[in-house]
């Protein structure tokens, strides 16, 4: 027996899928990107599951002071990169703060939420792996004009209807609202 390292086996890569195209998302200037108002925040869809062959969905999130969703969990990974500001995450009941330049990864199925506790807006890059969460957001959110356009303020009746609809649709999108 020798102590020579094993020769790695070359992996076989699939052919280039020529049906897929390069995509450049320009959230500050592309007026065709969809912007969804959700839980007081604005989520701009940069890349959908359709764009990435289902591999991931990518959002540019504008979170105003006091913004952010309630605690929830879903069976996809969720990665956040803080582009501007600082945001408080609650992960399995523990709080932490992520600041500009920092990245947070939430494992699939883990209870979590995030909130902007600061006085300034927060900008996050958010990736769901695999993709598809945009279908849920499109059904429960409302279209808004731009990346920083806030959704309309909801009345108490609107909030109840939103909660009912979100709870009804959540299981279809492998999500649980806690």
C-alpha atoms as a PDB file:
ATOM      1  CA  UNK A   1       0.000   0.000   0.000  1.00  0.00           C
ATOM      2  CA  UNK A   2       1.333   3.421  -0.894  1.00  0.00           C
ATOM      3  CA  UNK A   3       0.710   6.754   0.712  1.00  0.00           C
ATOM      4  CA  UNK A   4       0.117   8.476  -2.584  1.00  0.00           C
ATOM      5  CA  UNK A   5      -2.954  10.717  -2.685  1.00  0.00           C
ATOM      6  CA  UNK A   6      -5.851   9.417  -4.702  1.00  0.00           C
ATOM      7  CA  UNK A   7      -6.278  10.938  -8.106  1.00  0.00           C
ATOM      8  CA  UNK A   8      -9.522  12.932  -8.063  1.00  0.00           C
ATOM      9  CA  UNK A   9     -12.163  11.664 -10.433  1.00  0.00           C
ATOM     10  CA  UNK A  10     -13.061  14.292 -12.997  1.00  0.00           C
ATOM     11  CA  UNK A  11     -16.716  15.230 -12.740  1.00  0.00           C
ATOM     12  CA  UNK A  12     -18.748  15.444 -15.876  1.00  0.00           C
ATOM     13  CA  UNK A  13     -20.427  18.787 -16.310  1.00  0.00           C
ATOM     14  CA  UNK A  14     -23.668  18.974 -18.232  1.00  0.00           C
ATOM     15  CA  UNK A  15     -23.665  20.896 -21.490  1.00  0.00           C
ATOM     16  CA  UNK A  16     -24.298  24.632 -21.397  1.00  0.00           C
ATOM     17  CA  UNK A  17     -28.074  25.254 -21.529  1.00  0.00           C
ATOM     18  CA  UNK A  18     -28.224  27.628 -24.473  1.00  0.00           C
ATOM     19  CA  UNK A  19     -31.910  28.357 -23.759  1.00  0.00           C
ATOM     20  CA  UNK A  20     -30.866  30.315 -20.664  1.00  0.00           C
ATOM     21  CA  UNK A  21     -29.725  33.901 -21.076  1.00  0.00           C
ATOM     22  CA  UNK A  22     -27.573  36.281 -19.075  1.00  0.00           C
ATOM     23  CA  UNK A  23     -29.732  38.555 -16.935  1.00  0.00           C
ATOM     24  CA  UNK A  24     -28.699  41.896 -15.466  1.00  0.00           C
ATOM     25  CA  UNK A  25     -31.057  43.260 -12.821  1.00  0.00           C
ATOM     26  CA  UNK A  26     -30.863  47.013 -12.239  1.00  0.00           C
ATOM     27  CA  UNK A  27     -33.176  47.746  -9.301  1.00  0.00           C
ATOM     28  CA  UNK A  28     -32.528  51.499  -9.239  1.00  0.00           C
ATOM     29  CA  UNK A  29     -33.224  52.115 -12.934  1.00  0.00           C
ATOM     30  CA  UNK A  30     -35.194  49.220 -14.464  1.00  0.00           C
ATOM     31  CA  UNK A  31     -38.840  50.281 -14.443  1.00  0.00           C
ATOM     32  CA  UNK A  32     -39.932  46.784 -15.528  1.00  0.00           C
ATOM     33  CA  UNK A  33     -38.824  45.018 -12.347  1.00  0.00           C
ATOM     34  CA  UNK A  34     -41.811  44.059 -10.192  1.00  0.00           C
ATOM     35  CA  UNK A  35     -42.068  45.748  -6.784  1.00  0.00           C
ATOM     36  CA  UNK A  36     -44.311  44.145  -4.158  1.00  0.00           C
ATOM     37  CA  UNK A  37     -45.504  45.840  -0.988  1.00  0.00           C
ATOM     38  CA  UNK A  38     -45.594  43.313   1.824  1.00  0.00           C
ATOM     39  CA  UNK A  39     -45.820  43.755   5.610  1.00  0.00           C
ATOM     40  CA  UNK A  40     -45.001  47.465   5.207  1.00  0.00           C
ATOM     41  CA  UNK A  41     -41.826  46.719   3.227  1.00  0.00           C
ATOM     42  CA  UNK A  42     -41.109  46.815  -0.508  1.00  0.00           C
ATOM     43  CA  UNK A  43     -39.546  43.779  -2.174  1.00  0.00           C
ATOM     44  CA  UNK A  44     -38.141  44.189  -5.692  1.00  0.00           C
ATOM     45  CA  UNK A  45     -37.842  40.910  -7.556  1.00  0.00           C
ATOM     46  CA  UNK A  46     -34.402  40.799  -9.181  1.00  0.00           C
ATOM     47  CA  UNK A  47     -34.358  37.152 -10.282  1.00  0.00           C
ATOM     48  CA  UNK A  48     -37.280  34.738 -10.194  1.00  0.00           C
ATOM     49  CA  UNK A  49     -37.209  30.957 -10.043  1.00  0.00           C
ATOM     50  CA  UNK A  50     -38.083  31.040 -13.739  1.00  0.00           C
ATOM     51  CA  UNK A  51     -34.923  33.090 -14.404  1.00  0.00           C
ATOM     52  CA  UNK A  52     -32.682  30.667 -12.463  1.00  0.00           C
ATOM     53  CA  UNK A  53     -34.130  27.302 -13.534  1.00  0.00           C
ATOM     54  CA  UNK A  54     -35.696  27.049 -10.063  1.00  0.00           C
ATOM     55  CA  UNK A  55     -32.371  27.234  -8.239  1.00  0.00           C
ATOM     56  CA  UNK A  56     -33.086  30.455  -6.332  1.00  0.00           C
ATOM     57  CA  UNK A  57     -35.098  33.675  -6.089  1.00  0.00           C
ATOM     58  CA  UNK A  58     -33.376  37.007  -5.403  1.00  0.00           C
ATOM     59  CA  UNK A  59     -34.959  40.133  -3.903  1.00  0.00           C
ATOM     60  CA  UNK A  60     -33.802  43.667  -3.167  1.00  0.00           C
ATOM     61  CA  UNK A  61     -35.686  44.533   0.046  1.00  0.00           C
ATOM     62  CA  UNK A  62     -36.471  48.040   1.249  1.00  0.00           C
ATOM     63  CA  UNK A  63     -37.375  47.877   4.943  1.00  0.00           C
ATOM     64  CA  UNK A  64     -38.479  51.148   6.586  1.00  0.00           C
ATOM     65  CA  UNK A  65     -38.225  51.794  10.329  1.00  0.00           C
ATOM     66  CA  UNK A  66     -40.422  49.302  12.243  1.00  0.00           C
ATOM     67  CA  UNK A  67     -40.701  47.133   9.101  1.00  0.00           C
ATOM     68  CA  UNK A  68     -40.252  43.404   8.773  1.00  0.00           C
ATOM     69  CA  UNK A  69     -42.386  40.259   8.881  1.00  0.00           C
ATOM     70  CA  UNK A  70     -43.712  38.351  11.869  1.00  0.00           C
ATOM     71  CA  UNK A  71     -42.078  35.099  12.905  1.00  0.00           C
ATOM     72  CA  UNK A  72     -42.363  32.351  10.316  1.00  0.00           C
ATOM     73  CA  UNK A  73     -40.540  29.374   8.852  1.00  0.00           C
ATOM     74  CA  UNK A  74     -40.330  27.728   5.434  1.00  0.00           C
ATOM     75  CA  UNK A  75     -38.592  24.761   3.892  1.00  0.00           C
ATOM     76  CA  UNK A  76     -36.131  26.797   1.846  1.00  0.00           C
ATOM     77  CA  UNK A  77     -32.862  28.426   2.856  1.00  0.00           C
ATOM     78  CA  UNK A  78     -32.997  32.210   3.151  1.00  0.00           C
ATOM     79  CA  UNK A  79     -29.870  34.345   2.902  1.00  0.00           C
ATOM     80  CA  UNK A  80     -29.756  38.057   3.686  1.00  0.00           C
ATOM     81  CA  UNK A  81     -26.916  40.428   2.856  1.00  0.00           C
ATOM     82  CA  UNK A  82     -27.232  43.879   4.462  1.00  0.00           C
ATOM     83  CA  UNK A  83     -26.548  46.482   1.774  1.00  0.00           C
ATOM     84  CA  UNK A  84     -27.454  49.515   3.933  1.00  0.00           C
ATOM     85  CA  UNK A  85     -28.300  49.994   7.596  1.00  0.00           C
ATOM     86  CA  UNK A  86     -28.750  47.461  10.326  1.00  0.00           C
ATOM     87  CA  UNK A  87     -31.509  44.962  10.983  1.00  0.00           C
ATOM     88  CA  UNK A  88     -32.452  42.831  13.967  1.00  0.00           C
ATOM     89  CA  UNK A  89     -32.974  39.134  13.284  1.00  0.00           C
ATOM     90  CA  UNK A  90     -34.685  36.703  15.619  1.00  0.00           C
ATOM     91  CA  UNK A  91     -33.496  33.168  14.971  1.00  0.00           C
ATOM     92  CA  UNK A  92     -34.945  30.319  17.045  1.00  0.00           C
ATOM     93  CA  UNK A  93     -35.890  32.875  19.681  1.00  0.00           C
ATOM     94  CA  UNK A  94     -32.478  34.566  19.905  1.00  0.00           C
ATOM     95  CA  UNK A  95     -31.922  38.130  18.693  1.00  0.00           C
ATOM     96  CA  UNK A  96     -28.912  39.391  16.771  1.00  0.00           C
ATOM     97  CA  UNK A  97     -28.130  42.514  14.766  1.00  0.00           C
ATOM     98  CA  UNK A  98     -26.653  42.443  11.270  1.00  0.00           C
ATOM     99  CA  UNK A  99     -25.047  45.590   9.865  1.00  0.00           C
ATOM    100  CA  UNK A 100     -23.977  46.888   6.455  1.00  0.00           C
ATOM    101  CA  UNK A 101     -21.740  44.359   4.715  1.00  0.00           C
ATOM    102  CA  UNK A 102     -22.783  41.405   6.878  1.00  0.00           C
ATOM    103  CA  UNK A 103     -24.560  38.274   5.686  1.00  0.00           C
ATOM    104  CA  UNK A 104     -27.041  36.099   7.556  1.00  0.00           C
ATOM    105  CA  UNK A 105     -28.125  32.624   6.441  1.00  0.00           C
ATOM    106  CA  UNK A 106     -31.323  31.135   7.847  1.00  0.00           C
ATOM    107  CA  UNK A 107     -31.429  27.321   7.538  1.00  0.00           C
ATOM    108  CA  UNK A 108     -34.564  25.786   6.049  1.00  0.00           C
ATOM    109  CA  UNK A 109     -37.400  25.161   8.543  1.00  0.00           C
ATOM    110  CA  UNK A 110     -35.902  27.343  11.315  1.00  0.00           C
ATOM    111  CA  UNK A 111     -38.260  29.856  12.976  1.00  0.00           C
ATOM    112  CA  UNK A 112     -37.132  33.423  12.273  1.00  0.00           C
ATOM    113  CA  UNK A 113     -38.116  37.010  11.564  1.00  0.00           C
ATOM    114  CA  UNK A 114     -36.408  40.343  11.037  1.00  0.00           C
ATOM    115  CA  UNK A 115     -37.218  43.923  11.988  1.00  0.00           C
ATOM    116  CA  UNK A 116     -35.765  47.326  11.328  1.00  0.00           C
ATOM    117  CA  UNK A 117     -35.368  48.759  14.840  1.00  0.00           C
ATOM    118  CA  UNK A 118     -33.373  51.756  13.590  1.00  0.00           C
ATOM    119  CA  UNK A 119     -34.541  55.213  12.517  1.00  0.00           C
ATOM    120  CA  UNK A 120     -33.228  54.801   8.944  1.00  0.00           C
ATOM    121  CA  UNK A 121     -34.294  52.538   6.101  1.00  0.00           C
ATOM    122  CA  UNK A 122     -32.589  49.172   5.650  1.00  0.00           C
ATOM    123  CA  UNK A 123     -31.718  47.663   2.286  1.00  0.00           C
ATOM    124  CA  UNK A 124     -31.248  43.907   2.082  1.00  0.00           C
ATOM    125  CA  UNK A 125     -30.405  41.472  -0.652  1.00  0.00           C
ATOM    126  CA  UNK A 126     -32.452  38.335   0.064  1.00  0.00           C
ATOM    127  CA  UNK A 127     -32.082  34.954  -1.632  1.00  0.00           C
ATOM    128  CA  UNK A 128     -34.432  31.983  -1.273  1.00  0.00           C
ATOM    129  CA  UNK A 129     -32.954  28.591  -2.192  1.00  0.00           C
ATOM    130  CA  UNK A 130     -34.624  26.883  -4.021  1.00  0.00           C
ATOM    131  CA  UNK A 131     -36.655  29.530  -5.798  1.00  0.00           C
ATOM    132  CA  UNK A 132     -40.400  29.958  -5.837  1.00  0.00           C
ATOM    133  CA  UNK A 133     -41.197  32.182  -2.845  1.00  0.00           C
ATOM    134  CA  UNK A 134     -42.076  34.981  -5.279  1.00  0.00           C
ATOM    135  CA  UNK A 135     -45.317  33.168  -6.122  1.00  0.00           C
ATOM    136  CA  UNK A 136     -46.431  33.410  -2.481  1.00  0.00           C
ATOM    137  CA  UNK A 137     -45.379  37.056  -2.204  1.00  0.00           C
ATOM    138  CA  UNK A 138     -47.212  37.944  -5.423  1.00  0.00           C
ATOM    139  CA  UNK A 139     -50.433  36.460  -4.068  1.00  0.00           C
ATOM    140  CA  UNK A 140     -50.392  38.172  -0.692  1.00  0.00           C
ATOM    141  CA  UNK A 141     -48.559  41.439  -1.495  1.00  0.00           C
ATOM    142  CA  UNK A 142     -49.663  44.472  -3.487  1.00  0.00           C
ATOM    143  CA  UNK A 143     -47.846  45.925  -6.497  1.00  0.00           C
ATOM    144  CA  UNK A 144     -46.169  49.284  -5.808  1.00  0.00           C
ATOM    145  CA  UNK A 145     -44.544  51.798  -8.154  1.00  0.00           C
ATOM    146  CA  UNK A 146     -40.854  51.615  -7.254  1.00  0.00           C
ATOM    147  CA  UNK A 147     -38.082  50.075  -5.157  1.00  0.00           C
ATOM    148  CA  UNK A 148     -38.599  52.480  -2.267  1.00  0.00           C
ATOM    149  CA  UNK A 149     -42.350  53.076  -2.666  1.00  0.00           C
ATOM    150  CA  UNK A 150     -44.050  51.986   0.525  1.00  0.00           C
ATOM    151  CA  UNK A 151     -47.240  49.938   0.300  1.00  0.00           C
ATOM    152  CA  UNK A 152     -50.489  51.601   1.326  1.00  0.00           C
ATOM    153  CA  UNK A 153     -51.156  51.652   5.061  1.00  0.00           C
ATOM    154  CA  UNK A 154     -53.607  48.873   5.906  1.00  0.00           C
ATOM    155  CA  UNK A 155     -56.742  49.427   7.902  1.00  0.00           C
ATOM    156  CA  UNK A 156     -57.534  46.986  10.687  1.00  0.00           C
ATOM    157  CA  UNK A 157     -59.935  45.178   8.337  1.00  0.00           C
ATOM    158  CA  UNK A 158     -57.222  45.036   5.626  1.00  0.00           C
ATOM    159  CA  UNK A 159     -54.765  43.572   8.144  1.00  0.00           C
ATOM    160  CA  UNK A 160     -57.244  40.866   9.162  1.00  0.00           C
ATOM    161  CA  UNK A 161     -57.901  39.973   5.514  1.00  0.00           C
ATOM    162  CA  UNK A 162     -54.163  39.912   4.781  1.00  0.00           C
ATOM    163  CA  UNK A 163     -53.558  37.598   7.751  1.00  0.00           C
ATOM    164  CA  UNK A 164     -56.403  35.291   6.697  1.00  0.00           C
ATOM    165  CA  UNK A 165     -55.155  35.088   3.109  1.00  0.00           C
ATOM    166  CA  UNK A 166     -51.518  34.586   4.160  1.00  0.00           C
ATOM    167  CA  UNK A 167     -52.447  31.777   6.599  1.00  0.00           C
ATOM    168  CA  UNK A 168     -54.619  30.122   3.952  1.00  0.00           C
ATOM    169  CA  UNK A 169     -51.927  30.215   1.243  1.00  0.00           C
ATOM    170  CA  UNK A 170     -48.845  29.561   3.410  1.00  0.00           C
ATOM    171  CA  UNK A 171     -49.021  25.749   3.374  1.00  0.00           C
ATOM    172  CA  UNK A 172     -49.138  25.734  -0.435  1.00  0.00           C
ATOM    173  CA  UNK A 173     -45.765  27.543  -0.387  1.00  0.00           C
ATOM    174  CA  UNK A 174     -44.180  25.357   2.313  1.00  0.00           C
ATOM    175  CA  UNK A 175     -44.444  28.179   4.834  1.00  0.00           C
ATOM    176  CA  UNK A 176     -45.760  28.349   8.391  1.00  0.00           C
ATOM    177  CA  UNK A 177     -46.694  31.646  10.037  1.00  0.00           C
ATOM    178  CA  UNK A 178     -45.948  31.427  13.764  1.00  0.00           C
END
